[in-house]
Amino acid sequence: MPSSLNKTIKLFFMIILLTIYQSKAQNILTNSNNLLSLSISCPNNPQCIYSGQDLFPVTTKIINNSNQNLEIPLEAIKYFLTTSYLKNTQTGTIVGNFVPPGIFIPELLQQLTLLPAHTEIIMTGNYTKKYLKHIFNKESTNQITLYKSMIVYIHYQGSKEPIGTYKNGKFEPKRFILKAERIITKK
C-alpha cells in the first residue's frame, strides 16, 4: 500500500503543478496584448510639421512594455509584416501609395532580434518633397494621417517557439497586431 500511496501523492502533486503551470501560461497569454506597442514620430519635429523640406523623416518605434526580454522577427516585420499608408484626415480616404505587406519569406521569421525589457527598436524612413507636395495639393488639405499596422510574433528570450497556444494538437503562434497613427501638418 505505501507504494500506491506514494504514486497517488506524486500524481496529486503533478496535477497541482500542471494546474499552476497552465494558469501561469494562460495569464501570460491573457495579459500579453500589451507586451509591445507601436508609435510614430517625426525626429526633431514633435508636431510633425511639413514645411517643404526635401526629405521628411519619420520614425517608427516598437516598444517593449514588459519586464521581460523579448525577441521579434524584425526583418520579417520590415519586409512583409507591415502595412502603411497616408489618409486624408478629414475624409478618412487613403491617399497616395498604399504599401501592403510584402512577399512572405518564412526564413525571416526565424531571424530574431533582441528587444530588452522596457526598450525600443527604432526604424526610420523618409517621404520626399515631391511625394508629400503631390499628396497635399491633390487632397486640398493641410493635414494627412500616416497609418502603420504590423503583425508581430513574439518570443520570450531564448524560446524556440513564439508565444502561442495549442489548438486541436497543433501549435498556433499568437499574432500581435500593433497599430499607430500620426498626423502630418503642412505649414
N, C-alpha and C. Protein backbone atom coordinates (compact mmCIF):
# COMPACT_ATOMS: atom_id res chain seq x y z
N MET A 1 0.80 -1.20 0.00
CA MET A 1 0.00 0.00 0.00
C MET A 1 0.84 1.28 0.00
N PRO A 2 1.96 1.31 0.71
CA PRO A 2 2.74 2.55 0.72
C PRO A 2 3.16 2.98 -0.69
N SER A 3 3.47 2.02 -1.58
CA SER A 3 3.89 2.42 -2.92
C SER A 3 2.72 3.02 -3.71
N SER A 4 1.52 2.50 -3.55
CA SER A 4 0.37 3.09 -4.24
C SER A 4 0.03 4.46 -3.63
N LEU A 5 0.23 4.62 -2.33
CA LEU A 5 0.02 5.92 -1.68
C LEU A 5 1.04 6.93 -2.21
N ASN A 6 2.30 6.50 -2.36
CA ASN A 6 3.33 7.38 -2.93
C ASN A 6 2.97 7.79 -4.36
N LYS A 7 2.49 6.83 -5.15
CA LYS A 7 2.09 7.13 -6.52
C LYS A 7 0.93 8.12 -6.54
N THR A 8 -0.02 7.94 -5.64
CA THR A 8 -1.17 8.84 -5.57
C THR A 8 -0.73 10.25 -5.18
N ILE A 9 0.15 10.32 -4.21
CA ILE A 9 0.66 11.64 -3.77
C ILE A 9 1.42 12.31 -4.91
N LYS A 10 2.29 11.54 -5.60
CA LYS A 10 3.04 12.10 -6.72
C LYS A 10 2.09 12.58 -7.82
N LEU A 11 1.08 11.79 -8.12
CA LEU A 11 0.11 12.15 -9.13
C LEU A 11 -0.63 13.43 -8.73
N PHE A 12 -1.01 13.51 -7.45
CA PHE A 12 -1.69 14.69 -6.93
C PHE A 12 -0.82 15.94 -7.12
N PHE A 13 0.47 15.84 -6.76
CA PHE A 13 1.36 16.98 -6.91
C PHE A 13 1.60 17.34 -8.38
N MET A 14 1.65 16.33 -9.23
CA MET A 14 1.80 16.60 -10.67
C MET A 14 0.59 17.38 -11.20
N ILE A 15 -0.59 16.99 -10.75
CA ILE A 15 -1.81 17.68 -11.19
C ILE A 15 -1.77 19.13 -10.71
N ILE A 16 -1.36 19.34 -9.47
CA ILE A 16 -1.27 20.70 -8.93
C ILE A 16 -0.24 21.51 -9.72
N LEU A 17 0.93 20.93 -9.98
CA LEU A 17 1.96 21.64 -10.74
C LEU A 17 1.48 21.99 -12.15
N LEU A 18 0.83 21.04 -12.80
CA LEU A 18 0.32 21.30 -14.15
C LEU A 18 -0.75 22.39 -14.13
N THR A 19 -1.57 22.38 -13.11
CA THR A 19 -2.60 23.41 -12.99
C THR A 19 -1.96 24.78 -12.80
N ILE A 20 -0.96 24.86 -11.94
CA ILE A 20 -0.26 26.13 -11.72
C ILE A 20 0.42 26.58 -13.00
N TYR A 21 1.10 25.64 -13.68
CA TYR A 21 1.79 25.97 -14.93
C TYR A 21 0.79 26.47 -15.98
N GLN A 22 -0.33 25.76 -16.12
CA GLN A 22 -1.36 26.16 -17.08
C GLN A 22 -1.89 27.55 -16.74
N SER A 23 -2.16 27.80 -15.46
CA SER A 23 -2.69 29.10 -15.06
C SER A 23 -1.70 30.20 -15.39
N LYS A 24 -0.42 29.96 -15.12
CA LYS A 24 0.60 30.97 -15.41
C LYS A 24 0.66 31.22 -16.92
N ALA A 25 0.64 30.17 -17.72
CA ALA A 25 0.71 30.32 -19.17
C ALA A 25 -0.51 31.08 -19.68
N GLN A 26 -1.70 30.74 -19.18
CA GLN A 26 -2.90 31.44 -19.62
C GLN A 26 -2.84 32.90 -19.19
N ASN A 27 -2.32 33.17 -18.00
CA ASN A 27 -2.21 34.53 -17.52
C ASN A 27 -1.26 35.33 -18.42
N ILE A 28 -0.15 34.74 -18.82
CA ILE A 28 0.78 35.42 -19.71
C ILE A 28 0.09 35.73 -21.03
N LEU A 29 -0.64 34.76 -21.57
CA LEU A 29 -1.30 34.99 -22.84
C LEU A 29 -2.41 36.02 -22.72
N THR A 30 -3.13 36.01 -21.61
CA THR A 30 -4.21 36.96 -21.43
C THR A 30 -3.68 38.38 -21.32
N ASN A 31 -2.59 38.57 -20.58
CA ASN A 31 -2.06 39.91 -20.37
C ASN A 31 -1.03 40.32 -21.41
N SER A 32 -0.78 39.49 -22.41
CA SER A 32 0.31 39.76 -23.33
C SER A 32 -0.06 40.74 -24.44
N ASN A 33 -1.31 41.14 -24.53
CA ASN A 33 -1.68 42.08 -25.59
C ASN A 33 -0.95 43.40 -25.47
N ASN A 34 -0.47 43.73 -24.29
CA ASN A 34 0.24 44.99 -24.14
C ASN A 34 1.75 44.79 -23.95
N LEU A 35 2.28 43.65 -24.36
CA LEU A 35 3.72 43.43 -24.30
C LEU A 35 4.46 44.45 -25.16
N LEU A 36 3.92 44.72 -26.33
CA LEU A 36 4.54 45.65 -27.27
C LEU A 36 3.56 46.76 -27.63
N SER A 37 4.11 47.90 -27.99
CA SER A 37 3.29 48.96 -28.56
C SER A 37 4.06 49.59 -29.71
N LEU A 38 3.37 50.37 -30.49
CA LEU A 38 3.93 50.99 -31.68
C LEU A 38 3.68 52.49 -31.61
N SER A 39 4.67 53.27 -31.99
CA SER A 39 4.46 54.72 -32.06
C SER A 39 5.17 55.28 -33.30
N ILE A 40 4.65 56.40 -33.77
CA ILE A 40 5.21 57.09 -34.93
C ILE A 40 5.53 58.51 -34.49
N SER A 41 6.70 58.98 -34.88
CA SER A 41 7.08 60.36 -34.56
C SER A 41 7.92 60.93 -35.71
N CYS A 42 8.15 62.21 -35.62
CA CYS A 42 8.99 62.91 -36.60
C CYS A 42 10.21 63.44 -35.85
N PRO A 43 11.41 62.93 -36.15
CA PRO A 43 12.61 63.35 -35.43
C PRO A 43 12.82 64.87 -35.50
N ASN A 44 13.16 65.47 -34.36
CA ASN A 44 13.42 66.91 -34.25
C ASN A 44 12.24 67.76 -34.73
N ASN A 45 11.04 67.18 -34.68
CA ASN A 45 9.85 67.87 -35.17
C ASN A 45 8.64 67.30 -34.43
N PRO A 46 8.48 67.62 -33.14
CA PRO A 46 7.45 66.97 -32.32
C PRO A 46 6.02 67.11 -32.85
N GLN A 47 5.72 68.18 -33.58
CA GLN A 47 4.37 68.36 -34.12
C GLN A 47 4.21 67.73 -35.51
N CYS A 48 5.25 67.15 -36.05
CA CYS A 48 5.24 66.58 -37.41
C CYS A 48 4.73 67.60 -38.43
N ILE A 49 5.39 68.72 -38.49
CA ILE A 49 5.02 69.78 -39.42
C ILE A 49 5.91 69.68 -40.65
N TYR A 50 5.25 69.57 -41.81
CA TYR A 50 5.96 69.52 -43.08
C TYR A 50 6.05 70.94 -43.62
N SER A 51 7.28 71.42 -43.84
CA SER A 51 7.47 72.79 -44.31
C SER A 51 8.22 72.85 -45.64
N GLY A 52 8.09 71.81 -46.45
CA GLY A 52 8.69 71.83 -47.78
C GLY A 52 10.10 71.28 -47.86
N GLN A 53 10.62 70.67 -46.79
CA GLN A 53 11.96 70.13 -46.84
C GLN A 53 12.05 68.98 -47.86
N ASP A 54 13.27 68.77 -48.41
CA ASP A 54 13.47 67.75 -49.44
C ASP A 54 13.13 66.35 -48.94
N LEU A 55 13.56 66.03 -47.72
CA LEU A 55 13.24 64.74 -47.12
C LEU A 55 12.53 64.98 -45.79
N PHE A 56 11.43 64.29 -45.60
CA PHE A 56 10.66 64.42 -44.37
C PHE A 56 10.80 63.10 -43.61
N PRO A 57 11.66 63.06 -42.56
CA PRO A 57 11.91 61.81 -41.84
C PRO A 57 10.76 61.44 -40.90
N VAL A 58 10.52 60.14 -40.82
CA VAL A 58 9.51 59.60 -39.93
C VAL A 58 10.13 58.42 -39.19
N THR A 59 9.90 58.36 -37.89
CA THR A 59 10.43 57.28 -37.05
C THR A 59 9.30 56.41 -36.55
N THR A 60 9.47 55.11 -36.67
CA THR A 60 8.53 54.15 -36.11
C THR A 60 9.24 53.40 -35.01
N LYS A 61 8.61 53.32 -33.83
CA LYS A 61 9.21 52.63 -32.69
C LYS A 61 8.36 51.45 -32.27
N ILE A 62 9.02 50.30 -32.10
CA ILE A 62 8.39 49.15 -31.48
C ILE A 62 8.90 49.13 -30.05
N ILE A 63 7.99 49.23 -29.09
CA ILE A 63 8.35 49.41 -27.69
C ILE A 63 7.99 48.18 -26.88
N ASN A 64 8.97 47.66 -26.13
CA ASN A 64 8.74 46.54 -25.22
C ASN A 64 8.25 47.13 -23.90
N ASN A 65 6.99 46.93 -23.59
CA ASN A 65 6.38 47.46 -22.36
C ASN A 65 6.52 46.50 -21.18
N SER A 66 7.11 45.35 -21.40
CA SER A 66 7.13 44.31 -20.37
C SER A 66 8.42 44.34 -19.55
N ASN A 67 8.43 43.54 -18.51
CA ASN A 67 9.61 43.37 -17.67
C ASN A 67 10.51 42.25 -18.16
N GLN A 68 10.20 41.68 -19.31
CA GLN A 68 10.95 40.54 -19.83
C GLN A 68 11.64 40.90 -21.15
N ASN A 69 12.79 40.30 -21.37
CA ASN A 69 13.46 40.43 -22.66
C ASN A 69 12.68 39.63 -23.69
N LEU A 70 12.43 40.24 -24.83
CA LEU A 70 11.68 39.59 -25.89
C LEU A 70 12.52 39.53 -27.15
N GLU A 71 12.15 38.66 -28.04
CA GLU A 71 12.79 38.58 -29.35
C GLU A 71 11.69 38.65 -30.40
N ILE A 72 11.93 39.45 -31.45
CA ILE A 72 10.95 39.61 -32.52
C ILE A 72 11.64 39.43 -33.88
N PRO A 73 10.88 38.99 -34.88
CA PRO A 73 11.46 38.84 -36.22
C PRO A 73 11.47 40.19 -36.96
N LEU A 74 12.41 41.04 -36.61
CA LEU A 74 12.44 42.42 -37.10
C LEU A 74 12.52 42.49 -38.63
N GLU A 75 13.35 41.67 -39.24
CA GLU A 75 13.47 41.71 -40.71
C GLU A 75 12.16 41.31 -41.37
N ALA A 76 11.46 40.33 -40.81
CA ALA A 76 10.15 39.94 -41.35
C ALA A 76 9.16 41.08 -41.20
N ILE A 77 9.22 41.78 -40.07
CA ILE A 77 8.33 42.93 -39.86
C ILE A 77 8.60 43.98 -40.92
N LYS A 78 9.86 44.25 -41.19
CA LYS A 78 10.22 45.27 -42.18
C LYS A 78 9.78 44.87 -43.59
N TYR A 79 9.96 43.59 -43.95
CA TYR A 79 9.75 43.17 -45.33
C TYR A 79 8.35 42.70 -45.68
N PHE A 80 7.64 42.04 -44.76
CA PHE A 80 6.33 41.55 -45.18
C PHE A 80 5.27 41.52 -44.09
N LEU A 81 5.52 42.08 -42.94
CA LEU A 81 4.50 42.07 -41.89
C LEU A 81 4.00 43.47 -41.53
N THR A 82 4.29 44.47 -42.38
CA THR A 82 3.88 45.84 -42.11
C THR A 82 3.07 46.39 -43.27
N THR A 83 2.03 47.13 -42.92
CA THR A 83 1.22 47.86 -43.88
C THR A 83 1.28 49.33 -43.49
N SER A 84 1.42 50.21 -44.47
CA SER A 84 1.39 51.63 -44.16
C SER A 84 0.73 52.40 -45.29
N TYR A 85 0.11 53.50 -44.93
CA TYR A 85 -0.49 54.37 -45.92
C TYR A 85 -0.77 55.73 -45.30
N LEU A 86 -1.03 56.70 -46.17
CA LEU A 86 -1.46 58.03 -45.75
C LEU A 86 -2.95 58.12 -46.01
N LYS A 87 -3.64 58.85 -45.15
CA LYS A 87 -5.06 59.05 -45.40
C LYS A 87 -5.42 60.51 -45.16
N ASN A 88 -6.44 60.95 -45.86
CA ASN A 88 -6.95 62.29 -45.69
C ASN A 88 -7.57 62.36 -44.30
N THR A 89 -7.10 63.28 -43.48
CA THR A 89 -7.57 63.37 -42.10
C THR A 89 -9.05 63.73 -42.03
N GLN A 90 -9.52 64.51 -42.97
CA GLN A 90 -10.93 64.94 -42.95
C GLN A 90 -11.87 63.85 -43.45
N THR A 91 -11.51 63.18 -44.56
CA THR A 91 -12.42 62.21 -45.16
C THR A 91 -12.12 60.77 -44.74
N GLY A 92 -10.89 60.52 -44.30
CA GLY A 92 -10.50 59.16 -43.92
C GLY A 92 -10.13 58.29 -45.10
N THR A 93 -10.15 58.83 -46.33
CA THR A 93 -9.81 58.04 -47.51
C THR A 93 -8.30 57.91 -47.66
N ILE A 94 -7.88 56.78 -48.18
CA ILE A 94 -6.46 56.53 -48.41
C ILE A 94 -6.00 57.39 -49.58
N VAL A 95 -4.85 58.04 -49.39
CA VAL A 95 -4.28 58.89 -50.44
C VAL A 95 -2.86 58.41 -50.71
N GLY A 96 -2.39 58.63 -51.90
CA GLY A 96 -1.02 58.23 -52.22
C GLY A 96 -0.90 56.72 -52.33
N ASN A 97 0.30 56.24 -52.07
CA ASN A 97 0.61 54.82 -52.21
C ASN A 97 0.21 54.04 -50.98
N PHE A 98 -0.54 52.98 -51.19
CA PHE A 98 -0.84 52.03 -50.14
C PHE A 98 0.28 51.00 -50.17
N VAL A 99 1.00 50.83 -49.08
CA VAL A 99 2.12 49.88 -49.05
C VAL A 99 1.64 48.63 -48.32
N PRO A 100 1.24 47.61 -49.09
CA PRO A 100 0.76 46.38 -48.46
C PRO A 100 1.93 45.55 -47.95
N PRO A 101 1.61 44.50 -47.19
CA PRO A 101 2.69 43.61 -46.76
C PRO A 101 3.39 43.03 -47.99
N GLY A 102 4.67 42.74 -47.85
CA GLY A 102 5.46 42.21 -48.95
C GLY A 102 5.28 40.70 -49.12
N ILE A 103 6.16 40.11 -49.89
CA ILE A 103 6.13 38.68 -50.17
C ILE A 103 6.60 37.91 -48.94
N PHE A 104 5.86 36.88 -48.57
CA PHE A 104 6.16 36.07 -47.40
C PHE A 104 7.48 35.32 -47.59
N ILE A 105 8.41 35.52 -46.67
CA ILE A 105 9.70 34.82 -46.67
C ILE A 105 9.83 34.13 -45.31
N PRO A 106 9.51 32.83 -45.23
CA PRO A 106 9.47 32.15 -43.94
C PRO A 106 10.78 32.19 -43.16
N GLU A 107 11.91 32.21 -43.87
CA GLU A 107 13.21 32.22 -43.18
C GLU A 107 13.36 33.46 -42.30
N LEU A 108 12.77 34.57 -42.71
CA LEU A 108 12.89 35.81 -41.93
C LEU A 108 12.18 35.72 -40.59
N LEU A 109 11.19 34.84 -40.49
CA LEU A 109 10.51 34.65 -39.20
C LEU A 109 11.42 34.01 -38.17
N GLN A 110 12.46 33.32 -38.63
CA GLN A 110 13.41 32.65 -37.73
C GLN A 110 14.55 33.56 -37.29
N GLN A 111 14.75 34.69 -37.98
CA GLN A 111 15.82 35.62 -37.63
C GLN A 111 15.29 36.59 -36.57
N LEU A 112 15.66 36.34 -35.33
CA LEU A 112 15.10 37.11 -34.22
C LEU A 112 16.05 38.21 -33.75
N THR A 113 15.46 39.32 -33.38
CA THR A 113 16.20 40.47 -32.85
C THR A 113 15.80 40.66 -31.39
N LEU A 114 16.78 40.82 -30.53
CA LEU A 114 16.52 41.01 -29.10
C LEU A 114 15.93 42.39 -28.86
N LEU A 115 14.88 42.42 -28.06
CA LEU A 115 14.24 43.66 -27.62
C LEU A 115 14.18 43.60 -26.10
N PRO A 116 15.22 44.12 -25.42
CA PRO A 116 15.26 44.03 -23.95
C PRO A 116 14.06 44.71 -23.29
N ALA A 117 13.79 44.32 -22.05
CA ALA A 117 12.68 44.88 -21.28
C ALA A 117 12.76 46.40 -21.26
N HIS A 118 11.62 47.02 -21.47
CA HIS A 118 11.46 48.49 -21.40
C HIS A 118 12.39 49.25 -22.35
N THR A 119 12.65 48.69 -23.53
CA THR A 119 13.44 49.40 -24.54
C THR A 119 12.63 49.45 -25.83
N GLU A 120 13.22 50.02 -26.84
CA GLU A 120 12.52 50.15 -28.11
C GLU A 120 13.48 49.92 -29.27
N ILE A 121 12.91 49.54 -30.39
CA ILE A 121 13.64 49.43 -31.64
C ILE A 121 13.11 50.54 -32.53
N ILE A 122 14.03 51.31 -33.11
CA ILE A 122 13.65 52.45 -33.92
C ILE A 122 13.93 52.14 -35.39
N MET A 123 12.92 52.38 -36.22
CA MET A 123 13.06 52.24 -37.67
C MET A 123 12.77 53.61 -38.29
N THR A 124 13.62 54.03 -39.21
CA THR A 124 13.42 55.34 -39.82
C THR A 124 13.11 55.21 -41.30
N GLY A 125 12.41 56.18 -41.80
CA GLY A 125 12.08 56.26 -43.21
C GLY A 125 11.89 57.72 -43.58
N ASN A 126 11.78 57.98 -44.86
CA ASN A 126 11.63 59.36 -45.33
C ASN A 126 10.56 59.43 -46.40
N TYR A 127 9.86 60.56 -46.42
CA TYR A 127 8.98 60.91 -47.53
C TYR A 127 9.68 62.03 -48.29
N THR A 128 9.57 62.00 -49.60
CA THR A 128 10.22 63.04 -50.41
C THR A 128 9.31 64.26 -50.53
N LYS A 129 9.94 65.37 -50.82
CA LYS A 129 9.22 66.64 -51.01
C LYS A 129 8.20 66.49 -52.15
N LYS A 130 8.64 65.87 -53.24
CA LYS A 130 7.76 65.69 -54.40
C LYS A 130 6.51 64.90 -54.03
N TYR A 131 6.69 63.82 -53.30
CA TYR A 131 5.56 62.97 -52.93
C TYR A 131 4.60 63.70 -51.99
N LEU A 132 5.10 64.30 -50.92
CA LEU A 132 4.22 64.99 -49.96
C LEU A 132 3.54 66.19 -50.60
N LYS A 133 4.26 66.94 -51.41
CA LYS A 133 3.67 68.10 -52.09
C LYS A 133 2.51 67.65 -52.97
N HIS A 134 2.70 66.55 -53.71
CA HIS A 134 1.65 66.00 -54.56
C HIS A 134 0.43 65.61 -53.72
N ILE A 135 0.64 64.93 -52.61
CA ILE A 135 -0.48 64.48 -51.75
C ILE A 135 -1.24 65.68 -51.19
N PHE A 136 -0.54 66.65 -50.62
CA PHE A 136 -1.22 67.81 -50.04
C PHE A 136 -1.98 68.60 -51.11
N ASN A 137 -1.40 68.78 -52.29
CA ASN A 137 -2.08 69.51 -53.35
C ASN A 137 -3.30 68.74 -53.86
N LYS A 138 -3.14 67.47 -54.08
CA LYS A 138 -4.23 66.63 -54.60
C LYS A 138 -5.42 66.61 -53.64
N GLU A 139 -5.14 66.54 -52.35
CA GLU A 139 -6.21 66.42 -51.36
C GLU A 139 -6.76 67.76 -50.90
N SER A 140 -6.11 68.85 -51.28
CA SER A 140 -6.55 70.19 -50.86
C SER A 140 -6.78 70.26 -49.35
N THR A 141 -5.81 69.76 -48.61
CA THR A 141 -5.89 69.78 -47.16
C THR A 141 -4.52 70.11 -46.61
N ASN A 142 -4.49 70.52 -45.37
CA ASN A 142 -3.19 70.79 -44.76
C ASN A 142 -2.82 69.74 -43.71
N GLN A 143 -3.63 68.68 -43.62
CA GLN A 143 -3.31 67.59 -42.70
C GLN A 143 -3.60 66.24 -43.34
N ILE A 144 -2.62 65.33 -43.18
CA ILE A 144 -2.81 63.95 -43.57
C ILE A 144 -2.36 63.08 -42.39
N THR A 145 -2.86 61.86 -42.37
CA THR A 145 -2.52 60.95 -41.28
C THR A 145 -1.71 59.80 -41.84
N LEU A 146 -0.56 59.55 -41.21
CA LEU A 146 0.25 58.38 -41.53
C LEU A 146 -0.24 57.25 -40.64
N TYR A 147 -0.60 56.12 -41.24
CA TYR A 147 -1.11 54.97 -40.52
C TYR A 147 -0.17 53.80 -40.76
N LYS A 148 0.20 53.08 -39.69
CA LYS A 148 1.01 51.86 -39.82
C LYS A 148 0.38 50.76 -38.99
N SER A 149 0.46 49.56 -39.53
CA SER A 149 -0.02 48.38 -38.84
C SER A 149 0.99 47.27 -39.07
N MET A 150 1.31 46.52 -38.00
CA MET A 150 2.27 45.41 -38.12
C MET A 150 1.73 44.18 -37.41
N ILE A 151 2.08 43.06 -37.97
CA ILE A 151 1.84 41.79 -37.29
C ILE A 151 3.18 41.38 -36.70
N VAL A 152 3.18 41.06 -35.41
CA VAL A 152 4.42 40.71 -34.73
C VAL A 152 4.24 39.37 -34.02
N TYR A 153 5.22 38.51 -34.20
CA TYR A 153 5.29 37.26 -33.45
C TYR A 153 6.36 37.46 -32.39
N ILE A 154 6.02 37.20 -31.13
CA ILE A 154 6.91 37.49 -30.02
C ILE A 154 7.43 36.20 -29.41
N HIS A 155 8.74 36.17 -29.15
CA HIS A 155 9.37 35.07 -28.43
C HIS A 155 9.89 35.64 -27.11
N TYR A 156 9.75 34.87 -26.05
CA TYR A 156 10.49 35.23 -24.85
C TYR A 156 11.94 34.90 -25.15
N GLN A 157 12.88 35.68 -24.64
CA GLN A 157 14.28 35.48 -24.96
C GLN A 157 14.69 34.03 -24.73
N GLY A 158 15.29 33.43 -25.73
CA GLY A 158 15.78 32.06 -25.64
C GLY A 158 14.75 30.99 -25.99
N SER A 159 13.50 31.38 -26.19
CA SER A 159 12.45 30.41 -26.51
C SER A 159 12.52 30.03 -27.99
N LYS A 160 12.33 28.75 -28.27
CA LYS A 160 12.36 28.30 -29.66
C LYS A 160 11.04 28.57 -30.36
N GLU A 161 9.96 28.64 -29.58
CA GLU A 161 8.66 28.90 -30.17
C GLU A 161 8.16 30.27 -29.75
N PRO A 162 7.41 30.93 -30.63
CA PRO A 162 6.82 32.20 -30.22
C PRO A 162 5.69 31.96 -29.22
N ILE A 163 5.23 33.02 -28.62
CA ILE A 163 4.07 32.92 -27.73
C ILE A 163 2.91 32.41 -28.56
N GLY A 164 2.18 31.46 -28.03
CA GLY A 164 1.06 30.90 -28.76
C GLY A 164 0.34 29.87 -27.93
N THR A 165 -0.54 29.13 -28.57
CA THR A 165 -1.32 28.10 -27.90
C THR A 165 -1.41 26.87 -28.79
N TYR A 166 -1.77 25.77 -28.17
CA TYR A 166 -2.05 24.55 -28.92
C TYR A 166 -3.55 24.44 -29.10
N LYS A 167 -3.97 24.27 -30.33
CA LYS A 167 -5.37 24.07 -30.65
C LYS A 167 -5.48 22.81 -31.49
N ASN A 168 -6.31 21.89 -31.04
CA ASN A 168 -6.51 20.63 -31.75
C ASN A 168 -5.19 19.92 -32.01
N GLY A 169 -4.28 19.98 -31.03
CA GLY A 169 -3.00 19.29 -31.13
C GLY A 169 -1.98 19.98 -32.01
N LYS A 170 -2.30 21.18 -32.51
CA LYS A 170 -1.39 21.89 -33.39
C LYS A 170 -1.03 23.23 -32.74
N PHE A 171 0.26 23.58 -32.79
CA PHE A 171 0.71 24.85 -32.21
C PHE A 171 0.36 25.99 -33.14
N GLU A 172 -0.23 27.04 -32.59
CA GLU A 172 -0.56 28.23 -33.35
C GLU A 172 0.06 29.45 -32.68
N PRO A 173 1.03 30.09 -33.34
CA PRO A 173 1.63 31.29 -32.75
C PRO A 173 0.60 32.42 -32.69
N LYS A 174 0.70 33.21 -31.63
CA LYS A 174 -0.21 34.34 -31.47
C LYS A 174 0.29 35.50 -32.32
N ARG A 175 -0.61 36.09 -33.07
CA ARG A 175 -0.28 37.25 -33.89
C ARG A 175 -0.64 38.51 -33.09
N PHE A 176 0.36 39.29 -32.77
CA PHE A 176 0.13 40.56 -32.10
C PHE A 176 0.02 41.61 -33.19
N ILE A 177 -1.06 42.36 -33.20
CA ILE A 177 -1.25 43.39 -34.21
C ILE A 177 -1.04 44.75 -33.54
N LEU A 178 -0.03 45.45 -34.01
CA LEU A 178 0.30 46.77 -33.49
C LEU A 178 -0.13 47.82 -34.51
N LYS A 179 -0.74 48.90 -34.02
CA LYS A 179 -1.20 49.97 -34.90
C LYS A 179 -0.80 51.31 -34.33
N ALA A 180 -0.52 52.25 -35.23
CA ALA A 180 -0.21 53.62 -34.81
C ALA A 180 -0.58 54.58 -35.93
N GLU A 181 -0.94 55.79 -35.53
CA GLU A 181 -1.24 56.86 -36.46
C GLU A 181 -0.52 58.12 -36.02
N ARG A 182 -0.21 58.96 -37.00
CA ARG A 182 0.42 60.25 -36.69
C ARG A 182 -0.04 61.27 -37.73
N ILE A 183 -0.51 62.41 -37.29
CA ILE A 183 -0.94 63.47 -38.20
C ILE A 183 0.28 64.28 -38.64
N ILE A 184 0.37 64.49 -39.95
CA ILE A 184 1.41 65.35 -40.53
C ILE A 184 0.69 66.61 -41.03
N THR A 185 1.17 67.74 -40.59
CA THR A 185 0.54 69.02 -40.93
C THR A 185 1.44 69.81 -41.89
N LYS A 186 0.84 70.32 -42.95
CA LYS A 186 1.57 71.16 -43.91
C LYS A 186 1.58 72.59 -43.39
N LYS A 187 2.76 73.16 -43.35
CA LYS A 187 2.91 74.55 -42.86
C LYS A 187 2.48 75.53 -43.91
